[in-house]
Structures are given as structure tokens and as C-alpha cells.
C-alpha atoms as a PDB file:
ATOM      1  CA  MET A   1       0.225  -0.277  -0.232  1.00  0.00           C
ATOM      2  CA  THR A   2       1.764   3.201  -1.078  1.00  0.00           C
ATOM      3  CA  GLU A   3      -1.205   5.566  -0.619  1.00  0.00           C
ATOM      4  CA  LEU A   4      -3.444   6.629   2.794  1.00  0.00           C
ATOM      5  CA  PRO A   5      -6.806   5.966   3.448  1.00  0.00           C
ATOM      6  CA  PRO A   6      -8.899   8.936   2.646  1.00  0.00           C
ATOM      7  CA  ARG A   7      -9.147  11.672   5.755  1.00  0.00           C
ATOM      8  CA  PRO A   8     -12.460  11.375   7.466  1.00  0.00           C
ATOM      9  CA  ALA A   9     -15.528  13.209   6.164  1.00  0.00           C
ATOM     10  CA  ASP A  10     -15.595  15.769   9.528  1.00  0.00           C
ATOM     11  CA  ALA A  11     -12.074  16.607   9.156  1.00  0.00           C
ATOM     12  CA  VAL A  12     -11.914  20.557   9.465  1.00  0.00           C
ATOM     13  CA  LEU A  13      -8.757  22.112   7.977  1.00  0.00           C
ATOM     14  CA  LEU A  14      -7.313  24.362  10.777  1.00  0.00           C
ATOM     15  CA  ASP A  15      -5.205  27.303   9.709  1.00  0.00           C
ATOM     16  CA  PRO A  16      -1.141  27.235  10.411  1.00  0.00           C
ATOM     17  CA  HIS A  17       0.244  28.878  13.390  1.00  0.00           C
ATOM     18  CA  GLY A  18       2.140  31.809  11.211  1.00  0.00           C
ATOM     19  CA  ASP A  19       2.734  31.812   7.705  1.00  0.00           C
ATOM     20  CA  ARG A  20       7.108  31.338   8.875  1.00  0.00           C
ATOM     21  CA  CYS A  21       6.103  28.706  11.273  1.00  0.00           C
ATOM     22  CA  PHE A  22       8.634  26.037  10.111  1.00  0.00           C
ATOM     23  CA  GLY A  23       6.234  23.185  10.772  1.00  0.00           C
ATOM     24  CA  CYS A  24       2.946  24.696   8.816  1.00  0.00           C
ATOM     25  CA  GLY A  25       3.878  27.715   7.715  1.00  0.00           C
ATOM     26  CA  PRO A  26       2.975  27.737   4.050  1.00  0.00           C
ATOM     27  CA  GLU A  27       5.535  30.347   3.272  1.00  0.00           C
ATOM     28  CA  ASN A  28       8.534  28.572   4.809  1.00  0.00           C
ATOM     29  CA  PRO A  29      10.230  27.140   2.114  1.00  0.00           C
ATOM     30  CA  ALA A  30      12.639  24.905   4.420  1.00  0.00           C
ATOM     31  CA  GLY A  31       9.368  23.882   6.639  1.00  0.00           C
ATOM     32  CA  VAL A  32       6.901  20.725   6.525  1.00  0.00           C
ATOM     33  CA  ALA A  33       4.115  22.764   5.340  1.00  0.00           C
ATOM     34  CA  LEU A  34       1.986  20.405   7.136  1.00  0.00           C
ATOM     35  CA  GLN A  35      -1.910  21.050   6.718  1.00  0.00           C
ATOM     36  CA  VAL A  36      -3.501  20.159   9.759  1.00  0.00           C
ATOM     37  CA  TYR A  37      -7.226  18.808  10.605  1.00  0.00           C
ATOM     38  CA  ARG A  38      -9.581  18.748  13.683  1.00  0.00           C
ATOM     39  CA  VAL A  39     -11.037  15.584  13.416  1.00  0.00           C
ATOM     40  CA  GLY A  40     -13.096  15.219  17.044  1.00  0.00           C
ATOM     41  CA  ASP A  41     -10.535  16.237  19.761  1.00  0.00           C
ATOM     42  CA  GLU A  42      -7.813  14.837  17.799  1.00  0.00           C
ATOM     43  CA  VAL A  43      -5.232  16.276  15.014  1.00  0.00           C
ATOM     44  CA  LEU A  44      -4.070  14.798  12.004  1.00  0.00           C
ATOM     45  CA  ALA A  45      -1.715  15.327   9.195  1.00  0.00           C
ATOM     46  CA  ASP A  46      -0.457  13.907   5.943  1.00  0.00           C
ATOM     47  CA  VAL A  47       2.444  14.377   5.006  1.00  0.00           C
ATOM     48  CA  SER A  48       5.516  13.261   2.254  1.00  0.00           C
ATOM     49  CA  PHE A  49       8.635  14.814   3.395  1.00  0.00           C
ATOM     50  CA  ALA A  50      10.614  16.579   1.195  1.00  0.00           C
ATOM     51  CA  PRO A  51      14.145  15.514   0.206  1.00  0.00           C
ATOM     52  CA  LYS A  52      15.554  19.034   2.206  1.00  0.00           C
ATOM     53  CA  HIS A  53      14.960  17.124   5.221  1.00  0.00           C
ATOM     54  CA  ALA A  54      16.941  14.112   5.020  1.00  0.00           C
ATOM     55  CA  GLY A  55      19.545  13.446   7.749  1.00  0.00           C
ATOM     56  CA  ALA A  56      21.548  10.239   6.360  1.00  0.00           C
ATOM     57  CA  HIS A  57      20.967   7.668   3.494  1.00  0.00           C
ATOM     58  CA  GLY A  58      17.470   9.008   2.124  1.00  0.00           C
ATOM     59  CA  VAL A  59      15.166   9.335   5.533  1.00  0.00           C
ATOM     60  CA  VAL A  60      13.835  11.605   6.967  1.00  0.00           C
ATOM     61  CA  HIS A  61      16.250  13.573  10.009  1.00  0.00           C
ATOM     62  CA  GLY A  62      14.886  12.608  13.004  1.00  0.00           C
ATOM     63  CA  GLY A  63      14.992  16.782  14.403  1.00  0.00           C
ATOM     64  CA  VAL A  64      12.528  17.266  11.406  1.00  0.00           C
ATOM     65  CA  LEU A  65      10.358  14.570  12.854  1.00  0.00           C
ATOM     66  CA  ALA A  66      10.381  15.990  16.267  1.00  0.00           C
ATOM     67  CA  SER A  67       9.068  19.372  15.046  1.00  0.00           C
ATOM     68  CA  ALA A  68       6.933  18.034  13.143  1.00  0.00           C
ATOM     69  CA  CYS A  69       5.178  16.161  15.997  1.00  0.00           C
ATOM     70  CA  ASP A  70       5.387  19.214  18.392  1.00  0.00           C
ATOM     71  CA  ASP A  71       3.910  21.439  15.788  1.00  0.00           C
ATOM     72  CA  LEU A  72       0.864  18.787  15.363  1.00  0.00           C
ATOM     73  CA  VAL A  73       0.175  18.196  18.969  1.00  0.00           C
ATOM     74  CA  ALA A  74      -0.044  22.339  19.501  1.00  0.00           C
ATOM     75  CA  PHE A  75      -2.865  22.019  16.837  1.00  0.00           C
ATOM     76  CA  LEU A  76      -4.820  20.583  19.998  1.00  0.00           C
ATOM     77  CA  LEU A  77      -4.714  24.202  21.728  1.00  0.00           C
ATOM     78  CA  TYR A  78      -6.843  25.371  19.149  1.00  0.00           C
ATOM     79  CA  VAL A  79      -9.176  22.487  19.966  1.00  0.00           C
ATOM     80  CA  LEU A  80      -8.642  23.058  23.232  1.00  0.00           C
ATOM     81  CA  GLN A  81      -8.934  26.955  23.024  1.00  0.00           C
ATOM     82  CA  GLN A  82      -5.850  26.893  25.709  1.00  0.00           C
ATOM     83  CA  PRO A  83      -2.602  28.809  24.784  1.00  0.00           C
ATOM     84  CA  ALA A  84       0.239  26.992  26.228  1.00  0.00           C
ATOM     85  CA  VAL A  85       4.278  26.456  24.879  1.00  0.00           C
ATOM     86  CA  THR A  86       5.754  22.993  24.921  1.00  0.00           C
ATOM     87  CA  ARG A  87       7.396  22.237  27.955  1.00  0.00           C
ATOM     88  CA  SER A  88       9.078  18.543  26.964  1.00  0.00           C
ATOM     89  CA  LEU A  89       9.116  16.346  23.884  1.00  0.00           C
ATOM     90  CA  GLN A  90      10.346  13.081  23.720  1.00  0.00           C
ATOM     91  CA  MET A  91      10.347  11.218  20.388  1.00  0.00           C
ATOM     92  CA  GLU A  92      10.410   7.126  19.813  1.00  0.00           C
ATOM     93  CA  TYR A  93      12.342   6.082  16.339  1.00  0.00           C
ATOM     94  CA  LEU A  94      10.797   2.949  15.881  1.00  0.00           C
ATOM     95  CA  ALA A  95      11.308   2.545  11.645  1.00  0.00           C
ATOM     96  CA  PRO A  96      13.142   4.471   9.569  1.00  0.00           C
ATOM     97  CA  VAL A  97      11.020   7.339   7.545  1.00  0.00           C
ATOM     98  CA  PRO A  98      12.265   7.623   3.921  1.00  0.00           C
ATOM     99  CA  VAL A  99      11.888  10.595   1.817  1.00  0.00           C
ATOM    100  CA  GLY A 100       9.339  10.672  -0.534  1.00  0.00           C
ATOM    101  CA  GLU A 101       6.600   8.562   1.759  1.00  0.00           C
ATOM    102  CA  PRO A 102       3.520   9.164   2.690  1.00  0.00           C
ATOM    103  CA  HIS A 103       2.675   9.531   6.295  1.00  0.00           C
ATOM    104  CA  ARG A 104      -0.214  10.058   8.261  1.00  0.00           C
ATOM    105  CA  LEU A 105       0.724  12.065  11.937  1.00  0.00           C
ATOM    106  CA  VAL A 106      -1.760  11.945  14.165  1.00  0.00           C
ATOM    107  CA  GLY A 107      -2.381  13.801  17.729  1.00  0.00           C
ATOM    108  CA  ARG A 108      -3.670  13.664  20.713  1.00  0.00           C
ATOM    109  CA  LEU A 109      -4.999  14.812  24.400  1.00  0.00           C
ATOM    110  CA  VAL A 110      -4.153  12.085  27.206  1.00  0.00           C
ATOM    111  CA  SER A 111      -4.626  14.340  29.968  1.00  0.00           C
ATOM    112  CA  GLN A 112      -4.890  17.874  31.627  1.00  0.00           C
ATOM    113  CA  GLU A 113      -3.795  18.489  35.431  1.00  0.00           C
ATOM    114  CA  GLY A 114      -3.960  22.461  36.012  1.00  0.00           C
ATOM    115  CA  ARG A 115      -1.678  24.070  33.977  1.00  0.00           C
ATOM    116  CA  ARG A 116      -0.232  20.328  32.224  1.00  0.00           C
ATOM    117  CA  LEU A 117      -0.870  19.383  28.786  1.00  0.00           C
ATOM    118  CA  THR A 118      -0.065  15.876  28.237  1.00  0.00           C
ATOM    119  CA  MET A 119      -0.343  15.047  24.521  1.00  0.00           C
ATOM    120  CA  ALA A 120       0.727  12.000  22.402  1.00  0.00           C
ATOM    121  CA  ALA A 121       1.581  11.711  18.790  1.00  0.00           C
ATOM    122  CA  GLU A 122       2.069   9.118  16.246  1.00  0.00           C
ATOM    123  CA  GLY A 123       3.617   8.785  12.478  1.00  0.00           C
ATOM    124  CA  ARG A 124       2.250   5.541  10.344  1.00  0.00           C
ATOM    125  CA  ALA A 125       3.780   4.907   6.933  1.00  0.00           C
ATOM    126  CA  ALA A 126       0.405   3.837   4.488  1.00  0.00           C
ATOM    127  CA  ASP A 127       0.388   0.380   5.604  1.00  0.00           C
ATOM    128  CA  GLY A 128      -0.110   1.175   8.798  1.00  0.00           C
ATOM    129  CA  ALA A 129       3.206   0.901  10.247  1.00  0.00           C
ATOM    130  CA  VAL A 130       3.866   3.264  13.204  1.00  0.00           C
ATOM    131  CA  ARG A 131       7.327   4.434  12.595  1.00  0.00           C
ATOM    132  CA  PHE A 132       7.663   6.962  14.980  1.00  0.00           C
ATOM    133  CA  SER A 133       6.086   8.885  18.108  1.00  0.00           C
ATOM    134  CA  ALA A 134       6.297  11.620  20.601  1.00  0.00           C
ATOM    135  CA  HIS A 135       5.152  12.465  23.759  1.00  0.00           C
ATOM    136  CA  ALA A 136       4.818  16.338  24.897  1.00  0.00           C
ATOM    137  CA  VAL A 137       4.360  17.872  27.670  1.00  0.00           C
ATOM    138  CA  PHE A 138       2.677  21.634  27.025  1.00  0.00           C
ATOM    139  CA  VAL A 139       2.481  24.054  30.123  1.00  0.00           C
ATOM    140  CA  THR A 140      -0.518  26.837  29.232  1.00  0.00           C
ATOM    141  CA  VAL A 141       0.442  29.782  29.364  1.00  0.00           C
ATOM    142  CA  ASP A 142      -1.295  33.418  29.135  1.00  0.00           C
ATOM    143  CA  LEU A 143      -1.634  35.663  25.588  1.00  0.00           C
ATOM    144  CA  ALA A 144       1.142  38.202  26.718  1.00  0.00           C
ATOM    145  CA  HIS A 145       3.366  35.491  26.785  1.00  0.00           C
ATOM    146  CA  PHE A 146       2.789  35.119  22.875  1.00  0.00           C
ATOM    147  CA  GLU A 147       2.369  39.577  22.754  1.00  0.00           C
ATOM    148  CA  ARG A 148       5.642  40.266  24.275  1.00  0.00           C
ATOM    149  CA  PHE A 149       7.719  38.608  21.165  1.00  0.00           C
ATOM    150  CA  GLY A 150       6.569  41.057  18.545  1.00  0.00           C
ATOM    151  CA  ALA A 151       6.967  38.682  15.689  1.00  0.00           C
ATOM    152  CA  ALA A 152       3.633  38.894  13.096  1.00  0.00           C
ATOM    153  CA  ASP A 153       3.390  35.225  13.678  1.00  0.00           C
ATOM    154  CA  GLY A 154       3.106  35.703  17.376  1.00  0.00           C
ATOM    155  CA  ALA A 155       0.667  38.190  16.679  1.00  0.00           C
ATOM    156  CA  ASP A 156      -1.985  35.995  14.522  1.00  0.00           C
ATOM    157  CA  VAL A 157      -1.445  33.380  17.954  1.00  0.00           C
ATOM    158  CA  VAL A 158      -2.667  36.105  19.987  1.00  0.00           C
ATOM    159  CA  SER A 159      -5.611  36.903  17.170  1.00  0.00           C
ATOM    160  CA  ARG A 160      -7.030  33.440  16.515  1.00  0.00           C
ATOM    161  CA  PHE A 161      -6.731  32.099  20.151  1.00  0.00           C
ATOM    162  CA  ARG A 162      -9.001  35.653  20.908  1.00  0.00           C
ATOM    163  CA  VAL A 163     -11.283  34.952  17.851  1.00  0.00           C
ATOM    164  CA  ALA A 164     -12.198  30.826  19.682  1.00  0.00           C
ATOM    165  CA  ARG A 165     -12.161  32.668  23.140  1.00  0.00           C
ATOM    166  CA  PRO A 166     -13.823  35.831  23.334  1.00  0.00           C
ATOM    167  CA  ASP A 167     -13.395  35.729  27.253  1.00  0.00           C
ATOM    168  CA  THR A 168      -9.848  35.286  27.125  1.00  0.00           C
ATOM    169  CA  ALA A 169      -7.967  38.377  28.907  1.00  0.00           C
ATOM    170  CA  THR A 170      -4.155  38.955  28.582  1.00  0.00           C
ATOM    171  CA  ALA A 171      -3.927  37.928  32.168  1.00  0.00           C
ATOM    172  CA  ASP A 172      -5.675  34.783  32.176  1.00  0.00           C
ATOM    173  CA  THR A 173      -3.395  32.073  34.000  1.00  0.00           C
ATOM    174  CA  GLY A 174      -6.541  29.817  34.894  1.00  0.00           C
ATOM    175  CA  PRO A 175      -6.621  26.151  33.797  1.00  0.00           C
ATOM    176  CA  PRO A 176      -7.145  24.663  30.617  1.00  0.00           C
ATOM    177  CA  ARG A 177     -10.699  24.905  30.231  1.00  0.00           C
ATOM    178  CA  PRO A 178     -12.686  21.572  28.436  1.00  0.00           C
ATOM    179  CA  SER A 179     -13.097  20.763  25.038  1.00  0.00           C
ATOM    180  CA  VAL A 180     -15.366  22.891  23.448  1.00  0.00           C
ATOM    181  CA  PRO A 181     -16.997  22.646  19.640  1.00  0.00           C
ATOM    182  CA  GLY A 182     -15.218  25.309  18.119  1.00  0.00           C
ATOM    183  CA  THR A 183     -12.364  25.095  16.525  1.00  0.00           C
ATOM    184  CA  ILE A 184      -9.940  27.798  14.796  1.00  0.00           C
ATOM    185  CA  ALA A 185     -11.074  26.614  11.190  1.00  0.00           C
ATOM    186  CA  ARG A 186      -9.572  27.844   8.460  1.00  0.00           C
ATOM    187  CA  GLY A 187     -10.574  31.468   7.160  1.00  0.00           C
ATOM    188  CA  ALA A 188     -12.195  31.641  11.012  1.00  0.00           C
END
């Protein structure tokens, strides 16, 4: 099998974190350019890594796989409607990921405890074999965290969270709220 299964019919395309984001930005020539979809409380992206993402011997560099997983699970923050940042990311490289072969990345929330969000991701080849997986811990932050850096892409993140949660004040440091039906869909 060389093709991935079709995306679920209820998949909703989400806006990228920013135009120059390494993981999902459409205007980053070195980036992965993930197009991430929400499916229920999970996120998914189909990707064939380019030659520019290669490490040794025609396989994708492990750092690129880690970046893709980190970016993918960060889209769960849109689902949760809670701004947060990566605290830690652990990768498991289970099999080589050849450049140019399609993979489906899926991310999900594992648990929430106060400001701590534990997430998981995996990358499956077209034959269904899991070739890599990630375990990430994010910590919720207030929107001022993103505003202080002043980057245009950071401003995009702030506005997207404000649209998703109109009640989000700059000083909001409370625990994450449960998942809600609204999502930052592309063009929202």
C-alpha cells in the first residue's frame, strides 16, 4: 500500500500557527508545510517529507520528525482553546522514515492536570506501521507570553485564540478549559 487512507469526512482544515512557522507555515521554504485537520478531539496531517528534510541515507532527519510532532500536537491547543507552550518532547524512532513516502500524523490529548497538558502523537506509514511517536508536555500560559515577542506570526496566534475564546484576557492564567465544539478553522 503506497497511499494513505482517505481523511475522515468530518475533518476540518485548521489555520497554520503562522505563515513562517517551520511545521505548518505555507511561506517557510525550509519548512514541512503541514496542513492540519481537526477530527473530533484529535488532529491529523498527511505528509510526505521532502529531500530538504533528509538526514543520512535518504531518511528524514529525526529533528524534523520531532518538529513535525511538536507542531502537530500544538494544534490541539486550538481544540482546547487554551494557549500553551512546549515544556518537553520525547521521541521514539521506531523505523526509518524514507523521504517522499506518505505518512499520517495523528495527535491527541492524553491528560490535563492544572496547567499541564500531556499529549501524544504518532506517524504511520501507508501500510499502517507506526514509524515514530512522541510524548509532549505543554504548560498553559497567558496570551501576553506570545505578545511580548512582537513577531507577526505571534500576533496571529494571539488573534486566533481571542477569536476562539472571546473571554480570554491577557492575564488569563487559569487551568485549561475542557474541549468545546468551536475550532479555529481555516479562514475563521
